[in-house]
Amino acid sequence: MIAINIDWNAFLLVFIAAIGFTTLIVGCFSIGVRLLTNAQNLSPKARKGNQTAQTAESLNLVGAYLLFAVCICALAYGIYLIIPFLPH
């Protein structure tokens, strides 16, 4: 009979990291979608020349694009770690 020793602390650490990073990426994407929707809702007011709406629309778009960039970077890094023929 072969005894299998499981390092439960390492298992728990990987589990917590996976849940934490998944929550972070989903949260970034969700907030990015919300900011993009806010920018689209402000667009008619911004086109009419409302300076406050133009500023808010710009800030919402920049925030949305930055959060989407974070998601894309996390995706690219995950693919980099998974694919075996990429140099590490």
C-alpha atoms as a PDB file:
ATOM      1  CA  MET A   1       0.000   0.000   0.000  1.00  0.00           C
ATOM      2  CA  ILE A   2       1.357   3.382  -1.041  1.00  0.00           C
ATOM      3  CA  ALA A   3       0.878   6.213   1.404  1.00  0.00           C
ATOM      4  CA  ILE A   4      -0.026   9.537  -0.152  1.00  0.00           C
ATOM      5  CA  ASN A   5       0.840  12.564   1.887  1.00  0.00           C
ATOM      6  CA  ILE A   6      -1.119  15.700   1.086  1.00  0.00           C
ATOM      7  CA  ASP A   7       0.228  19.061   2.131  1.00  0.00           C
ATOM      8  CA  TRP A   8      -3.090  20.553   3.224  1.00  0.00           C
ATOM      9  CA  ASN A   9      -1.604  23.977   3.893  1.00  0.00           C
ATOM     10  CA  ALA A  10      -0.364  24.241   0.302  1.00  0.00           C
ATOM     11  CA  PHE A  11      -3.705  22.951  -0.959  1.00  0.00           C
ATOM     12  CA  LEU A  12      -5.540  25.578   1.080  1.00  0.00           C
ATOM     13  CA  LEU A  13      -3.175  28.302  -0.171  1.00  0.00           C
ATOM     14  CA  VAL A  14      -3.804  27.378  -3.813  1.00  0.00           C
ATOM     15  CA  PHE A  15      -7.559  27.213  -3.192  1.00  0.00           C
ATOM     16  CA  ILE A  16      -7.649  30.647  -1.554  1.00  0.00           C
ATOM     17  CA  ALA A  17      -5.474  32.165  -4.288  1.00  0.00           C
ATOM     18  CA  ALA A  18      -7.674  30.695  -7.027  1.00  0.00           C
ATOM     19  CA  ILE A  19     -10.900  31.960  -5.427  1.00  0.00           C
ATOM     20  CA  GLY A  20      -9.356  35.350  -4.689  1.00  0.00           C
ATOM     21  CA  PHE A  21      -7.958  35.970  -8.169  1.00  0.00           C
ATOM     22  CA  THR A  22     -11.118  34.685  -9.825  1.00  0.00           C
ATOM     23  CA  THR A  23     -13.168  37.103  -7.749  1.00  0.00           C
ATOM     24  CA  LEU A  24     -10.763  39.925  -8.606  1.00  0.00           C
ATOM     25  CA  ILE A  25     -10.897  39.323 -12.363  1.00  0.00           C
ATOM     26  CA  VAL A  26     -14.678  38.878 -12.435  1.00  0.00           C
ATOM     27  CA  GLY A  27     -15.035  42.021 -10.349  1.00  0.00           C
ATOM     28  CA  CYS A  28     -12.772  43.999 -12.694  1.00  0.00           C
ATOM     29  CA  PHE A  29     -14.737  42.860 -15.719  1.00  0.00           C
ATOM     30  CA  SER A  30     -18.091  43.606 -14.067  1.00  0.00           C
ATOM     31  CA  ILE A  31     -17.054  47.092 -12.996  1.00  0.00           C
ATOM     32  CA  GLY A  32     -15.635  47.698 -16.486  1.00  0.00           C
ATOM     33  CA  VAL A  33     -18.973  46.782 -18.060  1.00  0.00           C
ATOM     34  CA  ARG A  34     -20.763  49.067 -15.599  1.00  0.00           C
ATOM     35  CA  LEU A  35     -18.457  52.001 -16.402  1.00  0.00           C
ATOM     36  CA  LEU A  36     -18.899  51.407 -20.122  1.00  0.00           C
ATOM     37  CA  THR A  37     -22.680  51.437 -19.671  1.00  0.00           C
ATOM     38  CA  ASN A  38     -22.449  54.661 -17.663  1.00  0.00           C
ATOM     39  CA  ALA A  39     -20.434  56.253 -20.476  1.00  0.00           C
ATOM     40  CA  GLN A  40     -23.029  55.190 -23.053  1.00  0.00           C
ATOM     41  CA  ASN A  41     -25.818  56.653 -20.921  1.00  0.00           C
ATOM     42  CA  LEU A  42     -23.941  59.968 -20.618  1.00  0.00           C
ATOM     43  CA  SER A  43     -23.208  60.174 -24.331  1.00  0.00           C
ATOM     44  CA  PRO A  44     -26.390  62.074 -25.383  1.00  0.00           C
ATOM     45  CA  LYS A  45     -25.805  64.778 -22.754  1.00  0.00           C
ATOM     46  CA  ALA A  46     -22.137  65.033 -23.713  1.00  0.00           C
ATOM     47  CA  ARG A  47     -23.027  65.517 -27.381  1.00  0.00           C
ATOM     48  CA  LYS A  48     -25.267  68.439 -26.444  1.00  0.00           C
ATOM     49  CA  GLY A  49     -22.261  70.223 -24.936  1.00  0.00           C
ATOM     50  CA  ASN A  50     -22.722  69.528 -21.236  1.00  0.00           C
ATOM     51  CA  GLN A  51     -19.169  69.878 -19.887  1.00  0.00           C
ATOM     52  CA  THR A  52     -19.839  67.786 -16.762  1.00  0.00           C
ATOM     53  CA  ALA A  53     -21.277  64.953 -18.855  1.00  0.00           C
ATOM     54  CA  GLN A  54     -18.294  65.085 -21.226  1.00  0.00           C
ATOM     55  CA  THR A  55     -15.868  64.802 -18.328  1.00  0.00           C
ATOM     56  CA  ALA A  56     -17.840  61.992 -16.687  1.00  0.00           C
ATOM     57  CA  GLU A  57     -18.120  60.130 -19.995  1.00  0.00           C
ATOM     58  CA  SER A  58     -14.363  60.379 -20.560  1.00  0.00           C
ATOM     59  CA  LEU A  59     -13.526  59.195 -17.048  1.00  0.00           C
ATOM     60  CA  ASN A  60     -15.947  56.271 -17.320  1.00  0.00           C
ATOM     61  CA  LEU A  61     -14.461  55.213 -20.663  1.00  0.00           C
ATOM     62  CA  VAL A  62     -10.882  55.432 -19.384  1.00  0.00           C
ATOM     63  CA  GLY A  63     -11.790  53.436 -16.271  1.00  0.00           C
ATOM     64  CA  ALA A  64     -13.606  50.785 -18.306  1.00  0.00           C
ATOM     65  CA  TYR A  65     -10.713  50.387 -20.734  1.00  0.00           C
ATOM     66  CA  LEU A  66      -8.188  50.134 -17.897  1.00  0.00           C
ATOM     67  CA  LEU A  67     -10.215  47.439 -16.168  1.00  0.00           C
ATOM     68  CA  PHE A  68     -10.609  45.517 -19.429  1.00  0.00           C
ATOM     69  CA  ALA A  69      -6.829  45.795 -19.912  1.00  0.00           C
ATOM     70  CA  VAL A  70      -6.301  44.241 -16.467  1.00  0.00           C
ATOM     71  CA  CYS A  71      -8.562  41.336 -17.492  1.00  0.00           C
ATOM     72  CA  ILE A  72      -6.703  40.857 -20.782  1.00  0.00           C
ATOM     73  CA  CYS A  73      -3.324  40.892 -19.007  1.00  0.00           C
ATOM     74  CA  ALA A  74      -4.515  38.282 -16.507  1.00  0.00           C
ATOM     75  CA  LEU A  75      -5.823  36.123 -19.353  1.00  0.00           C
ATOM     76  CA  ALA A  76      -2.565  36.432 -21.287  1.00  0.00           C
ATOM     77  CA  TYR A  77      -0.518  35.552 -18.192  1.00  0.00           C
ATOM     78  CA  GLY A  78      -2.694  32.516 -17.516  1.00  0.00           C
ATOM     79  CA  ILE A  79      -2.248  31.295 -21.076  1.00  0.00           C
ATOM     80  CA  TYR A  80       1.491  31.920 -20.786  1.00  0.00           C
ATOM     81  CA  LEU A  81       1.621  29.714 -17.678  1.00  0.00           C
ATOM     82  CA  ILE A  82      -0.488  26.921 -19.192  1.00  0.00           C
ATOM     83  CA  ILE A  83       1.083  26.513 -22.631  1.00  0.00           C
ATOM     84  CA  PRO A  84       4.160  24.310 -22.217  1.00  0.00           C
ATOM     85  CA  PHE A  85       6.170  25.379 -25.277  1.00  0.00           C
ATOM     86  CA  LEU A  86       6.432  29.029 -24.255  1.00  0.00           C
ATOM     87  CA  PRO A  87       9.743  29.805 -22.523  1.00  0.00           C
ATOM     88  CA  HIS A  88       9.446  30.379 -18.765  1.00  0.00           C
END
